[in-house]
Amino acid sequence: MKNLRPTREGYVEGILQAGRENDRVVVIEGDVSRSIGSASFEKEFPERFFNLGVSEQDMLGEAAGLALTGFIPFVGTYGVFVAGRAWDQIRTSICYMNLNVKIAGAHGGVSVGPDGATHQALEDVAIMRVLPNMHVLAPADANQTRAAVLTSMNTAGPVYIRFGRNPVPQIYPVDASVEIGKGHLLEDGNDITLVACGAMVSLALTAREILSKRGISAGVIDMVSVKPLDRELLIEQAEKTGAVVVAEDHQASGGLFAAVTETLAPEHPVPVGVVAVRDSFGTSGTPAEVREKYKLTAEMIVFEAVKLLKK
């Protein structure tokens, strides 16, 4: 887990493979091909690449039209812009008709660091998750991001894939797979369950090591499929351990924490803690500085876990 790679590299690998496997795959982006790496797709498939500039509503409207004619559009730009500015087009033109459009929300969470609050997507999972027909994936590393792209290509209907900018530890092998509606139990535990997605998964694994040294056995679930959630795995582990901590690089409201508590409350209520941004915009700084400011750290996951177990 020591090798570091940006998850956006996995996105590029995914769309390139998707483009080679299926000539209906097209890529639409908003003048960010260098930032997220989709310029590689343009070089290999110039006839299937469309840069619409900073015009998110147009990007999603065009994607809807292409999907209606049988294409599989991948629309990529910063998550904060594609989810926020084009929400009406995603809701009404794509989700309402359950169209086959795949949306790549790059630079999710505070990973965009120095670009500041305006570029940090901290609400995107919530506003995508609430849309009927939408699937939401938040892969943990580059290999899983590549797999998420290929899975979304073969999944009918809209999919939102959220990934970050900065290098994160490699967790999965190159032949990683992603299944819609399924999480991964990375580590088994008896005392508490840590549920994370995206860049927080590696921090949950680090937290597990720290807890182990304190004599606490923590399980770790990578909930890559935020919607639909893996209910069976979550409830099984909650029943086994009796307590859950959710970690996400997102607002505490509306995202993975909300999905977990909405699932557990009526079916198997247990104490649930959360490590996430608490009703606040982000700020500028290095990614490490911003994560520290908002307590998106392994140490904070440990703190929440210990706090729950003392209750």
Protein backbone atom coordinates (compact mmCIF):
# COMPACT_ATOMS: atom_id res chain seq x y z
CA MET A 1 0.00 0.00 0.00
CA LYS A 2 3.08 2.23 -0.19
CA ASN A 3 2.94 3.17 -3.89
CA LEU A 4 1.17 6.45 -4.52
CA ARG A 5 -0.82 7.30 -7.66
CA PRO A 6 -3.49 9.91 -8.41
CA THR A 7 -6.93 8.39 -8.94
CA ARG A 8 -7.34 10.58 -12.03
CA GLU A 9 -4.73 8.39 -13.72
CA GLY A 10 -7.09 5.48 -13.22
CA TYR A 11 -9.88 7.49 -14.83
CA VAL A 12 -7.77 8.09 -17.92
CA GLU A 13 -6.76 4.44 -18.13
CA GLY A 14 -10.41 3.51 -17.82
CA ILE A 15 -11.73 5.75 -20.58
CA LEU A 16 -8.91 4.67 -22.90
CA GLN A 17 -9.74 1.01 -22.39
CA ALA A 18 -13.45 1.73 -22.66
CA GLY A 19 -12.82 3.58 -25.93
CA ARG A 20 -10.85 0.63 -27.32
CA GLU A 21 -13.51 -1.89 -26.30
CA ASN A 22 -16.54 0.04 -27.45
CA ASP A 23 -16.67 2.53 -30.33
CA ARG A 24 -19.85 4.04 -28.86
CA VAL A 25 -17.82 5.54 -26.00
CA VAL A 26 -17.28 9.28 -26.37
CA VAL A 27 -15.66 11.78 -24.00
CA ILE A 28 -16.93 15.28 -23.28
CA GLU A 29 -14.92 17.62 -21.11
CA GLY A 30 -14.88 21.22 -19.99
CA ASP A 31 -11.46 22.56 -20.93
CA VAL A 32 -9.73 20.50 -18.26
CA SER A 33 -8.16 17.78 -20.40
CA ARG A 34 -4.71 18.48 -19.00
CA SER A 35 -5.92 18.72 -15.39
CA ILE A 36 -7.73 15.41 -15.38
CA GLY A 37 -5.73 13.75 -18.14
CA SER A 38 -8.42 13.20 -20.77
CA ALA A 39 -6.08 14.71 -23.40
CA SER A 40 -4.83 11.14 -23.86
CA PHE A 41 -8.28 10.12 -25.08
CA GLU A 42 -8.34 13.07 -27.49
CA LYS A 43 -4.98 12.01 -28.92
CA GLU A 44 -6.11 8.41 -29.54
CA PHE A 45 -9.74 9.06 -30.48
CA PRO A 46 -9.96 12.65 -31.79
CA GLU A 47 -13.25 11.94 -33.56
CA ARG A 48 -14.83 10.89 -30.25
CA PHE A 49 -13.58 13.72 -28.06
CA PHE A 50 -15.44 16.99 -27.51
CA ASN A 51 -14.17 19.98 -25.52
CA LEU A 52 -17.11 22.28 -24.87
CA GLY A 53 -15.17 24.75 -22.76
CA VAL A 54 -16.35 25.97 -19.38
CA SER A 55 -19.97 25.19 -20.13
CA GLU A 56 -21.18 22.42 -17.84
CA GLN A 57 -24.87 22.74 -18.70
CA ASP A 58 -24.06 22.37 -22.41
CA MET A 59 -21.83 19.38 -21.68
CA LEU A 60 -24.61 17.48 -19.93
CA GLY A 61 -27.23 18.53 -22.48
CA GLU A 62 -25.05 17.26 -25.32
CA ALA A 63 -24.35 14.06 -23.39
CA ALA A 64 -28.10 13.46 -23.07
CA GLY A 65 -28.53 13.87 -26.81
CA LEU A 66 -25.65 11.52 -27.61
CA ALA A 67 -27.02 8.92 -25.19
CA LEU A 68 -30.41 9.09 -26.93
CA THR A 69 -28.68 8.19 -30.20
CA GLY A 70 -26.87 5.18 -28.73
CA PHE A 71 -23.53 6.61 -27.61
CA ILE A 72 -22.05 6.19 -24.12
CA PRO A 73 -20.81 9.64 -23.13
CA PHE A 74 -18.28 10.12 -20.33
CA VAL A 75 -18.50 13.71 -19.14
CA GLY A 76 -15.49 14.85 -17.13
CA THR A 77 -14.63 18.00 -15.23
CA TYR A 78 -14.23 19.12 -11.63
CA GLY A 79 -16.87 17.54 -9.41
CA VAL A 80 -17.91 20.81 -7.85
CA PHE A 81 -18.79 22.26 -11.25
CA VAL A 82 -20.35 19.28 -12.98
CA ALA A 83 -22.53 18.38 -10.00
CA GLY A 84 -23.39 21.93 -9.01
CA ARG A 85 -23.73 23.93 -12.19
CA ALA A 86 -25.34 21.23 -14.30
CA TRP A 87 -27.61 19.71 -11.65
CA ASP A 88 -30.82 20.61 -13.48
CA GLN A 89 -29.59 19.04 -16.74
CA ILE A 90 -28.45 15.93 -14.86
CA ARG A 91 -31.77 15.69 -13.04
CA THR A 92 -34.22 16.47 -15.82
CA SER A 93 -32.46 15.61 -19.07
CA ILE A 94 -30.54 12.54 -17.88
CA CYS A 95 -31.85 10.95 -14.67
CA TYR A 96 -35.54 11.50 -15.43
CA MET A 97 -35.12 9.51 -18.65
CA ASN A 98 -32.55 7.15 -17.11
CA LEU A 99 -30.09 7.87 -19.90
CA ASN A 100 -26.77 6.10 -20.32
CA VAL A 101 -24.51 9.01 -19.33
CA LYS A 102 -21.42 8.60 -17.15
CA ILE A 103 -20.26 11.63 -15.17
CA ALA A 104 -16.70 11.94 -13.86
CA GLY A 105 -16.45 14.29 -10.89
CA ALA A 106 -12.72 14.97 -10.68
CA HIS A 107 -10.83 16.69 -7.86
CA GLY A 108 -13.39 15.62 -5.27
CA GLY A 109 -13.20 16.70 -1.65
CA VAL A 110 -10.37 18.87 -0.35
CA SER A 111 -7.82 17.16 -2.63
CA VAL A 112 -7.77 20.23 -4.87
CA GLY A 113 -6.11 22.05 -1.94
CA PRO A 114 -4.63 25.40 -3.04
CA ASP A 115 -7.49 26.07 -5.48
CA GLY A 116 -9.63 26.77 -2.43
CA ALA A 117 -13.25 26.51 -1.42
CA THR A 118 -14.71 27.37 -4.82
CA HIS A 119 -13.04 24.32 -6.40
CA GLN A 120 -13.44 21.82 -3.55
CA ALA A 121 -16.36 19.46 -4.10
CA LEU A 122 -17.78 18.77 -0.64
CA GLU A 123 -21.46 18.45 -1.55
CA ASP A 124 -21.34 16.56 -4.86
CA VAL A 125 -22.03 13.09 -3.48
CA ALA A 126 -25.09 14.36 -1.62
CA ILE A 127 -26.68 16.09 -4.62
CA MET A 128 -25.93 13.17 -6.96
CA ARG A 129 -27.05 10.55 -4.47
CA VAL A 130 -30.48 12.12 -4.05
CA LEU A 131 -31.31 11.81 -7.75
CA PRO A 132 -33.50 8.85 -8.78
CA ASN A 133 -31.80 6.37 -11.18
CA MET A 134 -28.32 7.77 -10.41
CA HIS A 135 -25.56 5.38 -9.29
CA VAL A 136 -22.70 6.89 -7.25
CA LEU A 137 -19.20 5.39 -7.11
CA ALA A 138 -16.29 6.77 -5.03
CA PRO A 139 -13.19 4.64 -5.75
CA ALA A 140 -10.27 4.52 -3.32
CA ASP A 141 -7.26 4.33 -5.65
CA ALA A 142 -6.25 4.52 -9.29
CA ASN A 143 -6.80 0.84 -10.07
CA GLN A 144 -10.28 0.93 -8.56
CA THR A 145 -11.06 4.13 -10.47
CA ARG A 146 -10.14 2.40 -13.72
CA ALA A 147 -12.42 -0.49 -12.76
CA ALA A 148 -15.22 1.93 -11.86
CA VAL A 149 -15.05 3.47 -15.33
CA LEU A 150 -15.29 0.06 -17.02
CA THR A 151 -18.12 -1.04 -14.74
CA SER A 152 -20.04 2.14 -15.43
CA MET A 153 -19.62 1.59 -19.19
CA ASN A 154 -21.42 -1.73 -18.79
CA THR A 155 -24.09 -0.40 -16.41
CA ALA A 156 -27.34 0.89 -17.85
CA GLY A 157 -28.32 4.36 -16.72
CA PRO A 158 -26.44 7.33 -15.26
CA VAL A 159 -23.36 6.84 -13.08
CA TYR A 160 -21.44 9.48 -11.12
CA ILE A 161 -17.78 8.55 -10.50
CA ARG A 162 -16.03 10.70 -7.92
CA PHE A 163 -12.25 10.80 -7.63
CA GLY A 164 -9.52 13.11 -6.36
CA ARG A 165 -6.47 14.90 -7.71
CA ASN A 166 -3.57 13.98 -5.49
CA PRO A 167 -1.64 10.72 -5.21
CA VAL A 168 -3.13 8.20 -2.79
CA PRO A 169 -1.81 4.80 -1.64
CA GLN A 170 -2.43 1.88 -3.95
CA ILE A 171 -4.80 -0.57 -2.25
CA TYR A 172 -6.06 -2.69 -5.12
CA PRO A 173 -4.23 -4.73 -7.78
CA VAL A 174 -4.29 -3.79 -11.46
CA ASP A 175 -7.07 -6.32 -12.08
CA ALA A 176 -9.36 -4.73 -9.46
CA SER A 177 -13.08 -4.95 -10.09
CA VAL A 178 -16.03 -2.85 -9.03
CA GLU A 179 -19.60 -4.07 -8.76
CA ILE A 180 -22.49 -1.66 -8.48
CA GLY A 181 -24.12 -2.09 -5.07
CA LYS A 182 -21.18 -3.94 -3.51
CA GLY A 183 -18.59 -2.78 -0.99
CA HIS A 184 -15.34 -4.51 -0.07
CA LEU A 185 -14.52 -5.83 3.40
CA LEU A 186 -10.80 -5.03 3.38
CA GLU A 187 -10.20 -6.06 6.97
CA ASP A 188 -12.33 -8.05 9.38
CA GLY A 189 -12.80 -6.89 12.97
CA ASN A 190 -14.71 -7.65 16.14
CA ASP A 191 -15.00 -4.38 18.11
CA ILE A 192 -15.93 -1.66 15.60
CA THR A 193 -16.43 -1.19 11.86
CA LEU A 194 -14.82 1.64 9.89
CA VAL A 195 -16.73 2.50 6.71
CA ALA A 196 -14.97 4.77 4.21
CA CYS A 197 -14.92 5.71 0.56
CA GLY A 198 -12.51 7.47 -1.77
CA ALA A 199 -9.30 8.87 -0.35
CA MET A 200 -10.43 8.12 3.20
CA VAL A 201 -10.15 4.35 2.72
CA SER A 202 -6.36 4.32 3.08
CA LEU A 203 -6.70 6.48 6.21
CA ALA A 204 -9.21 4.01 7.65
CA LEU A 205 -6.68 1.23 7.10
CA THR A 206 -4.05 3.30 8.91
CA ALA A 207 -6.52 3.97 11.72
CA ARG A 208 -7.13 0.23 12.00
CA GLU A 209 -3.39 -0.32 12.57
CA ILE A 210 -3.33 2.32 15.32
CA LEU A 211 -6.42 0.84 16.98
CA SER A 212 -4.89 -2.63 16.82
CA LYS A 213 -1.92 -1.41 18.84
CA ARG A 214 -4.41 -0.30 21.48
CA GLY A 215 -6.02 -3.71 21.57
CA ILE A 216 -9.08 -2.72 19.51
CA SER A 217 -10.09 -4.93 16.59
CA ALA A 218 -11.54 -2.78 13.79
CA GLY A 219 -13.00 -3.97 10.52
CA VAL A 220 -12.67 -1.79 7.41
CA ILE A 221 -15.26 -1.57 4.64
CA ASP A 222 -14.45 0.24 1.41
CA MET A 223 -17.92 1.40 0.41
CA VAL A 224 -17.01 2.23 -3.18
CA SER A 225 -20.67 1.98 -4.20
CA VAL A 226 -22.23 4.80 -2.22
CA LYS A 227 -25.47 4.35 -4.14
CA PRO A 228 -26.79 1.73 -4.15
CA LEU A 229 -25.19 0.94 -0.80
CA ASP A 230 -24.13 -2.59 0.11
CA ARG A 231 -26.82 -3.06 2.77
CA GLU A 232 -26.05 -6.70 3.47
CA LEU A 233 -22.35 -6.12 4.15
CA LEU A 234 -22.99 -3.03 6.27
CA ILE A 235 -25.67 -4.64 8.44
CA GLU A 236 -23.67 -7.85 8.80
CA GLN A 237 -20.63 -5.95 10.11
CA ALA A 238 -22.71 -3.61 12.28
CA GLU A 239 -24.37 -6.62 13.91
CA LYS A 240 -20.98 -8.21 14.48
CA THR A 241 -19.17 -5.21 15.96
CA GLY A 242 -22.00 -3.09 17.41
CA ALA A 243 -20.50 0.27 16.40
CA VAL A 244 -19.59 2.08 13.17
CA VAL A 245 -17.43 5.07 12.23
CA VAL A 246 -17.91 6.59 8.77
CA ALA A 247 -15.06 8.52 7.11
CA GLU A 248 -15.55 10.63 3.99
CA ASP A 249 -13.91 13.62 2.32
CA HIS A 250 -17.28 15.37 2.01
CA GLN A 251 -19.88 17.16 4.11
CA ALA A 252 -21.21 15.01 6.94
CA SER A 253 -24.69 15.70 5.58
CA GLY A 254 -26.06 13.84 2.60
CA GLY A 255 -23.12 11.64 1.65
CA LEU A 256 -21.83 8.27 2.83
CA PHE A 257 -22.58 9.00 6.50
CA ALA A 258 -26.19 9.74 5.60
CA ALA A 259 -26.44 6.58 3.48
CA VAL A 260 -25.06 4.46 6.33
CA THR A 261 -27.31 5.93 9.02
CA GLU A 262 -30.40 5.80 6.77
CA THR A 263 -29.72 2.10 6.28
CA LEU A 264 -28.89 1.17 9.86
CA ALA A 265 -31.50 3.24 11.70
CA PRO A 266 -34.55 1.19 10.64
CA GLU A 267 -32.82 -2.18 10.30
CA HIS A 268 -30.10 -2.48 12.93
CA PRO A 269 -29.49 0.74 14.88
CA VAL A 270 -26.03 0.98 16.43
CA PRO A 271 -23.93 3.98 17.50
CA VAL A 272 -22.43 5.68 14.42
CA GLY A 273 -19.65 8.27 14.48
CA VAL A 274 -18.39 10.33 11.56
CA VAL A 275 -15.18 11.92 10.33
CA ALA A 276 -16.15 14.46 7.66
CA VAL A 277 -16.46 18.18 7.03
CA ARG A 278 -19.01 19.68 9.42
CA ASP A 279 -21.27 22.19 7.67
CA SER A 280 -18.38 24.32 6.43
CA PHE A 281 -16.82 25.39 3.17
CA GLY A 282 -13.23 24.42 2.53
CA THR A 283 -10.23 26.72 2.36
CA SER A 284 -6.92 27.14 0.56
CA GLY A 285 -3.79 25.30 1.60
CA THR A 286 -1.81 22.25 0.77
CA PRO A 287 -3.97 19.12 0.75
CA ALA A 288 -2.28 17.98 3.96
CA GLU A 289 -2.92 21.32 5.65
CA VAL A 290 -6.57 21.34 4.61
CA ARG A 291 -7.12 17.74 5.72
CA GLU A 292 -5.57 18.60 9.08
CA LYS A 293 -7.75 21.70 9.48
CA TYR A 294 -10.93 19.70 8.86
CA LYS A 295 -9.68 16.71 10.85
CA LEU A 296 -9.84 14.32 7.89
CA THR A 297 -7.08 12.17 9.37
CA ALA A 298 -6.44 8.63 10.56
CA GLU A 299 -5.94 9.99 14.06
CA MET A 300 -9.43 11.49 14.01
CA ILE A 301 -10.92 8.17 12.89
CA VAL A 302 -9.17 6.58 15.87
CA PHE A 303 -10.51 9.30 18.17
CA GLU A 304 -14.10 8.77 16.99
CA ALA A 305 -13.78 5.01 17.31
CA VAL A 306 -12.44 5.15 20.85
CA LYS A 307 -15.10 7.70 21.80
CA LEU A 308 -17.87 5.42 20.56
CA LEU A 309 -16.49 2.40 22.38
CA LYS A 310 -16.39 4.32 25.68
CA LYS A 311 -20.10 5.09 25.53
